Amino acid sequence: MTSAHNSNGLNDLSAIDQQILDFEARAPKTIALKEKAIRAELDISPVRYHQRLNVIVELPAALAYNPVLVKRLLRKRGEREDIRRAAHGNPQPEH
């Protein structure tokens, strides 16, 4: 696997990581269509896709590569965590 070089030199993204971010930026909004497209375009399972995406968004290189997308994904993940915490009666941490 080759890695792409970015100007800040932080943890370069692999080609598949870039493909996943590019796909996520333009992915179909419905779950069924998105899962079908993941299999067709990336040749991986939707579960593997989401596992990898969750790792990628933590990389400084991902933020450098597509800051708007990565910030949106991190914000959405935080919102989901807040909902789960509230559903289980756990207090929300200070932001």
Protein backbone atom coordinates (compact mmCIF):
# COMPACT_ATOMS: atom_id res chain seq x y z
CA MET A 1 0.00 0.00 0.00
CA THR A 2 1.35 3.40 -0.90
CA SER A 3 0.93 6.46 1.24
CA ALA A 4 0.21 9.94 0.01
CA HIS A 5 2.44 12.74 1.18
CA ASN A 6 0.85 15.84 2.62
CA SER A 7 2.50 19.17 3.23
CA ASN A 8 2.36 19.05 7.03
CA GLY A 9 4.18 15.70 7.24
CA LEU A 10 1.79 14.28 9.86
CA ASN A 11 0.84 10.58 9.68
CA ASP A 12 0.35 10.29 5.94
CA LEU A 13 -2.89 8.75 4.76
CA SER A 14 -2.80 5.54 2.75
CA ALA A 15 -4.46 5.43 -0.65
CA ILE A 16 -7.41 3.46 0.78
CA ASP A 17 -7.79 5.98 3.61
CA GLN A 18 -8.04 8.76 1.04
CA GLN A 19 -10.53 6.71 -0.98
CA ILE A 20 -12.66 6.20 2.12
CA LEU A 21 -12.67 9.93 2.93
CA ASP A 22 -13.45 10.81 -0.69
CA PHE A 23 -16.26 8.26 -0.74
CA GLU A 24 -17.71 9.52 2.55
CA ALA A 25 -17.75 13.06 1.20
CA ARG A 26 -20.03 12.03 -1.68
CA ALA A 27 -21.70 8.88 -0.32
CA PRO A 28 -25.41 8.20 -0.83
CA LYS A 29 -27.48 9.30 2.15
CA THR A 30 -29.65 6.21 2.45
CA ILE A 31 -28.17 3.28 4.33
CA ALA A 32 -29.03 0.64 1.73
CA LEU A 33 -27.57 2.61 -1.17
CA LYS A 34 -24.48 3.53 0.82
CA GLU A 35 -23.81 -0.09 1.83
CA LYS A 36 -24.20 -1.23 -1.77
CA ALA A 37 -21.84 1.52 -2.98
CA ILE A 38 -19.24 0.66 -0.30
CA ARG A 39 -19.13 -2.92 -1.55
CA ALA A 40 -19.10 -1.93 -5.22
CA GLU A 41 -16.61 0.95 -5.09
CA LEU A 42 -14.29 0.02 -2.24
CA ASP A 43 -14.66 -3.79 -2.23
CA ILE A 44 -14.94 -3.95 1.57
CA SER A 45 -17.81 -4.68 3.93
CA PRO A 46 -19.80 -1.79 5.38
CA VAL A 47 -18.70 -2.86 8.88
CA ARG A 48 -15.02 -2.71 7.89
CA TYR A 49 -15.63 0.64 6.17
CA HIS A 50 -17.10 2.21 9.30
CA GLN A 51 -14.41 0.70 11.53
CA ARG A 52 -11.69 2.18 9.32
CA LEU A 53 -13.48 5.53 8.98
CA ASN A 54 -13.61 5.83 12.79
CA VAL A 55 -9.83 5.36 12.91
CA ILE A 56 -9.13 7.70 9.99
CA VAL A 57 -11.00 10.69 11.47
CA GLU A 58 -8.63 10.62 14.45
CA LEU A 59 -5.56 11.13 12.22
CA PRO A 60 -4.12 14.63 11.89
CA ALA A 61 -3.49 13.87 8.21
CA ALA A 62 -7.23 13.26 7.69
CA LEU A 63 -8.01 16.66 9.17
CA ALA A 64 -5.43 18.22 6.85
CA TYR A 65 -6.81 16.27 3.86
CA ASN A 66 -10.48 17.23 4.30
CA PRO A 67 -11.04 19.41 7.39
CA VAL A 68 -14.72 20.15 6.75
CA LEU A 69 -15.64 16.47 6.39
CA VAL A 70 -13.54 15.28 9.34
CA LYS A 71 -14.91 17.98 11.67
CA ARG A 72 -18.48 17.09 10.62
CA LEU A 73 -17.88 13.38 11.23
CA LEU A 74 -16.33 14.02 14.64
CA ARG A 75 -19.21 16.32 15.60
CA LYS A 76 -21.79 13.70 14.53
CA ARG A 77 -19.94 10.99 16.46
CA GLY A 78 -19.95 13.18 19.57
CA GLU A 79 -23.68 13.81 19.20
CA ARG A 80 -24.35 10.06 18.95
CA GLU A 81 -22.23 9.46 22.06
CA ASP A 82 -24.20 12.11 23.95
CA ILE A 83 -27.48 10.45 22.93
CA ARG A 84 -26.26 7.02 24.06
CA ARG A 85 -25.01 8.43 27.35
CA ALA A 86 -28.35 10.16 28.01
CA ALA A 87 -30.26 6.99 27.15
CA HIS A 88 -28.29 5.12 29.79
CA GLY A 89 -28.75 7.84 32.41
CA ASN A 90 -25.09 8.87 32.37
CA PRO A 91 -24.29 12.57 32.60
CA GLN A 92 -22.77 14.32 29.63
CA PRO A 93 -19.14 15.42 29.97
CA GLU A 94 -18.30 19.11 29.76
CA HIS A 95 -17.42 20.17 26.19
